[in-house]
Amino acid sequence: MNRLKEIREDNNYYQKDIAKLLHIDQSNYSKYELEKINIPIETLHKLADFYNTSIDYLLYRTDVRKPYPKSILNK
């Protein structure tokens, strides 16, 4: 299963809910989940923050859902 779909469903959201959060059409969000189009980095940031996880988790670079500590540069 696609990780975006998995985390969305784990949090009891519909595609339309996340599309609204991202200010995009549900059909475009569906393409993200189906891996038909690449997700812009700004969108990945929003999704990681929203789900309280890391971009690496969303992109299968880690299986750890916990977000990384905030950088000193972001404070």
N, C-alpha and C. Protein backbone atom coordinates (compact mmCIF):
# COMPACT_ATOMS: atom_id res chain seq x y z
N MET A 1 0.84 -1.18 0.00
CA MET A 1 0.00 0.00 0.00
C MET A 1 0.89 1.25 0.00
N ASN A 2 0.43 2.25 -0.67
CA ASN A 2 1.14 3.52 -0.72
C ASN A 2 1.17 4.16 0.67
N ARG A 3 2.31 4.70 1.05
CA ARG A 3 2.47 5.26 2.39
C ARG A 3 1.54 6.45 2.62
N LEU A 4 1.35 7.30 1.62
CA LEU A 4 0.43 8.43 1.78
C LEU A 4 -0.98 7.95 2.06
N LYS A 5 -1.40 6.94 1.34
CA LYS A 5 -2.74 6.39 1.56
C LYS A 5 -2.81 5.75 2.95
N GLU A 6 -1.79 5.02 3.31
CA GLU A 6 -1.75 4.35 4.61
C GLU A 6 -1.87 5.35 5.77
N ILE A 7 -1.06 6.39 5.74
CA ILE A 7 -1.08 7.36 6.84
C ILE A 7 -2.38 8.16 6.84
N ARG A 8 -2.91 8.44 5.67
CA ARG A 8 -4.20 9.15 5.58
C ARG A 8 -5.30 8.30 6.20
N GLU A 9 -5.36 7.04 5.82
CA GLU A 9 -6.40 6.16 6.34
C GLU A 9 -6.22 5.89 7.83
N ASP A 10 -4.97 5.78 8.29
CA ASP A 10 -4.70 5.59 9.72
C ASP A 10 -5.23 6.76 10.55
N ASN A 11 -5.29 7.93 9.93
CA ASN A 11 -5.77 9.13 10.61
C ASN A 11 -7.23 9.45 10.29
N ASN A 12 -7.90 8.52 9.63
CA ASN A 12 -9.33 8.64 9.30
C ASN A 12 -9.69 9.86 8.46
N TYR A 13 -8.88 10.13 7.45
CA TYR A 13 -9.16 11.20 6.51
C TYR A 13 -9.50 10.62 5.15
N TYR A 14 -10.27 11.40 4.39
CA TYR A 14 -10.54 11.08 3.00
C TYR A 14 -9.60 11.89 2.12
N GLN A 15 -9.45 11.44 0.87
CA GLN A 15 -8.61 12.19 -0.06
C GLN A 15 -9.07 13.63 -0.17
N LYS A 16 -10.37 13.85 -0.19
CA LYS A 16 -10.90 15.21 -0.33
C LYS A 16 -10.47 16.09 0.84
N ASP A 17 -10.34 15.51 2.05
CA ASP A 17 -9.91 16.28 3.21
C ASP A 17 -8.47 16.78 3.05
N ILE A 18 -7.61 15.89 2.60
CA ILE A 18 -6.19 16.26 2.44
C ILE A 18 -6.03 17.20 1.25
N ALA A 19 -6.79 16.97 0.20
CA ALA A 19 -6.73 17.87 -0.96
C ALA A 19 -7.13 19.28 -0.54
N LYS A 20 -8.14 19.40 0.29
CA LYS A 20 -8.58 20.71 0.78
C LYS A 20 -7.47 21.37 1.59
N LEU A 21 -6.83 20.61 2.45
CA LEU A 21 -5.71 21.12 3.25
C LEU A 21 -4.60 21.67 2.35
N LEU A 22 -4.35 20.97 1.25
CA LEU A 22 -3.27 21.34 0.33
C LEU A 22 -3.70 22.35 -0.74
N HIS A 23 -4.99 22.67 -0.76
CA HIS A 23 -5.54 23.60 -1.75
C HIS A 23 -5.36 23.10 -3.18
N ILE A 24 -5.65 21.80 -3.35
CA ILE A 24 -5.59 21.19 -4.68
C ILE A 24 -6.86 20.37 -4.89
N ASP A 25 -7.08 19.94 -6.13
CA ASP A 25 -8.22 19.08 -6.44
C ASP A 25 -7.98 17.68 -5.89
N GLN A 26 -9.06 17.02 -5.54
CA GLN A 26 -8.95 15.64 -5.04
C GLN A 26 -8.31 14.74 -6.09
N SER A 27 -8.58 15.00 -7.35
CA SER A 27 -8.01 14.17 -8.42
C SER A 27 -6.49 14.30 -8.46
N ASN A 28 -5.97 15.50 -8.19
CA ASN A 28 -4.51 15.65 -8.14
C ASN A 28 -3.92 14.93 -6.94
N TYR A 29 -4.61 15.03 -5.80
CA TYR A 29 -4.11 14.32 -4.63
C TYR A 29 -4.09 12.81 -4.88
N SER A 30 -5.12 12.32 -5.54
CA SER A 30 -5.18 10.90 -5.89
C SER A 30 -3.96 10.48 -6.70
N LYS A 31 -3.52 11.34 -7.59
CA LYS A 31 -2.34 11.04 -8.41
C LYS A 31 -1.08 10.93 -7.55
N TYR A 32 -1.01 11.70 -6.45
CA TYR A 32 0.11 11.56 -5.53
C TYR A 32 0.10 10.16 -4.92
N GLU A 33 -1.07 9.74 -4.45
CA GLU A 33 -1.17 8.43 -3.82
C GLU A 33 -0.90 7.30 -4.80
N LEU A 34 -1.29 7.48 -6.03
CA LEU A 34 -1.07 6.46 -7.06
C LEU A 34 0.33 6.55 -7.67
N GLU A 35 1.10 7.53 -7.20
CA GLU A 35 2.47 7.76 -7.68
C GLU A 35 2.52 8.03 -9.18
N LYS A 36 1.48 8.71 -9.66
CA LYS A 36 1.43 9.07 -11.08
C LYS A 36 2.12 10.41 -11.34
N ILE A 37 2.19 11.25 -10.31
CA ILE A 37 2.92 12.52 -10.43
C ILE A 37 3.77 12.72 -9.17
N ASN A 38 4.84 13.46 -9.33
CA ASN A 38 5.72 13.75 -8.21
C ASN A 38 5.09 14.81 -7.30
N ILE A 39 5.38 14.69 -6.03
CA ILE A 39 4.84 15.62 -5.05
C ILE A 39 5.84 16.76 -4.87
N PRO A 40 5.40 18.00 -5.03
CA PRO A 40 6.31 19.14 -4.82
C PRO A 40 6.84 19.15 -3.39
N ILE A 41 8.06 19.60 -3.21
CA ILE A 41 8.70 19.61 -1.90
C ILE A 41 7.89 20.40 -0.88
N GLU A 42 7.29 21.50 -1.29
CA GLU A 42 6.47 22.30 -0.36
C GLU A 42 5.28 21.48 0.16
N THR A 43 4.72 20.67 -0.71
CA THR A 43 3.60 19.82 -0.34
C THR A 43 4.07 18.72 0.61
N LEU A 44 5.23 18.17 0.36
CA LEU A 44 5.78 17.16 1.27
C LEU A 44 6.00 17.75 2.67
N HIS A 45 6.48 18.98 2.72
CA HIS A 45 6.66 19.66 4.02
C HIS A 45 5.32 19.78 4.74
N LYS A 46 4.28 20.21 4.02
CA LYS A 46 2.96 20.36 4.63
C LYS A 46 2.43 19.02 5.14
N LEU A 47 2.58 17.99 4.33
CA LEU A 47 2.08 16.67 4.72
C LEU A 47 2.83 16.13 5.93
N ALA A 48 4.14 16.26 5.93
CA ALA A 48 4.94 15.78 7.07
C ALA A 48 4.56 16.52 8.34
N ASP A 49 4.40 17.82 8.25
CA ASP A 49 3.98 18.60 9.43
C ASP A 49 2.58 18.20 9.88
N PHE A 50 1.67 18.06 8.93
CA PHE A 50 0.29 17.72 9.25
C PHE A 50 0.20 16.36 9.96
N TYR A 51 0.94 15.39 9.45
CA TYR A 51 0.90 14.05 10.03
C TYR A 51 1.91 13.84 11.16
N ASN A 52 2.66 14.90 11.47
CA ASN A 52 3.66 14.83 12.53
C ASN A 52 4.65 13.69 12.29
N THR A 53 5.22 13.70 11.09
CA THR A 53 6.19 12.69 10.70
C THR A 53 7.28 13.37 9.89
N SER A 54 8.13 12.59 9.26
CA SER A 54 9.21 13.16 8.44
C SER A 54 8.92 12.94 6.96
N ILE A 55 9.51 13.76 6.15
CA ILE A 55 9.42 13.56 4.70
C ILE A 55 10.04 12.22 4.34
N ASP A 56 11.12 11.86 5.03
CA ASP A 56 11.75 10.56 4.77
C ASP A 56 10.76 9.41 4.98
N TYR A 57 9.93 9.52 5.99
CA TYR A 57 8.93 8.47 6.22
C TYR A 57 7.93 8.43 5.05
N LEU A 58 7.48 9.58 4.62
CA LEU A 58 6.52 9.63 3.51
C LEU A 58 7.11 9.07 2.23
N LEU A 59 8.43 9.20 2.06
CA LEU A 59 9.10 8.75 0.84
C LEU A 59 9.78 7.39 0.98
N TYR A 60 9.45 6.65 2.03
CA TYR A 60 9.99 5.31 2.27
C TYR A 60 11.50 5.28 2.52
N ARG A 61 12.08 6.38 2.96
CA ARG A 61 13.51 6.39 3.27
C ARG A 61 13.76 5.89 4.69
N THR A 62 12.69 5.79 5.49
CA THR A 62 12.74 5.24 6.84
C THR A 62 11.38 4.65 7.15
N ASP A 63 11.36 3.73 8.08
CA ASP A 63 10.09 3.17 8.55
C ASP A 63 9.70 3.74 9.90
N VAL A 64 10.46 4.72 10.38
CA VAL A 64 10.19 5.36 11.66
C VAL A 64 9.25 6.53 11.42
N ARG A 65 8.06 6.47 12.03
CA ARG A 65 7.06 7.53 11.82
C ARG A 65 7.38 8.80 12.60
N LYS A 66 8.11 8.68 13.66
CA LYS A 66 8.41 9.82 14.52
C LYS A 66 9.16 10.90 13.73
N PRO A 67 8.76 12.16 13.88
CA PRO A 67 9.46 13.23 13.15
C PRO A 67 10.85 13.45 13.72
N TYR A 68 11.71 14.02 12.91
CA TYR A 68 13.03 14.39 13.37
C TYR A 68 12.93 15.59 14.30
N PRO A 69 13.89 15.75 15.20
CA PRO A 69 13.89 16.97 16.03
C PRO A 69 14.02 18.21 15.14
N LYS A 70 13.39 19.28 15.57
CA LYS A 70 13.46 20.53 14.80
C LYS A 70 14.90 21.04 14.78
N SER A 71 15.28 21.57 13.67
CA SER A 71 16.61 22.13 13.50
C SER A 71 16.73 23.44 14.27
N ILE A 72 17.90 23.71 14.76
CA ILE A 72 18.17 24.97 15.45
C ILE A 72 17.93 26.16 14.50
N LEU A 73 18.07 25.91 13.20
CA LEU A 73 17.87 26.98 12.22
C LEU A 73 16.40 27.32 12.06
N ASN A 74 15.50 26.41 12.43
CA ASN A 74 14.06 26.64 12.28
C ASN A 74 13.43 27.27 13.51
N LYS A 75 14.20 27.54 14.52
CA LYS A 75 13.64 28.11 15.77
C LYS A 75 13.56 29.60 15.72
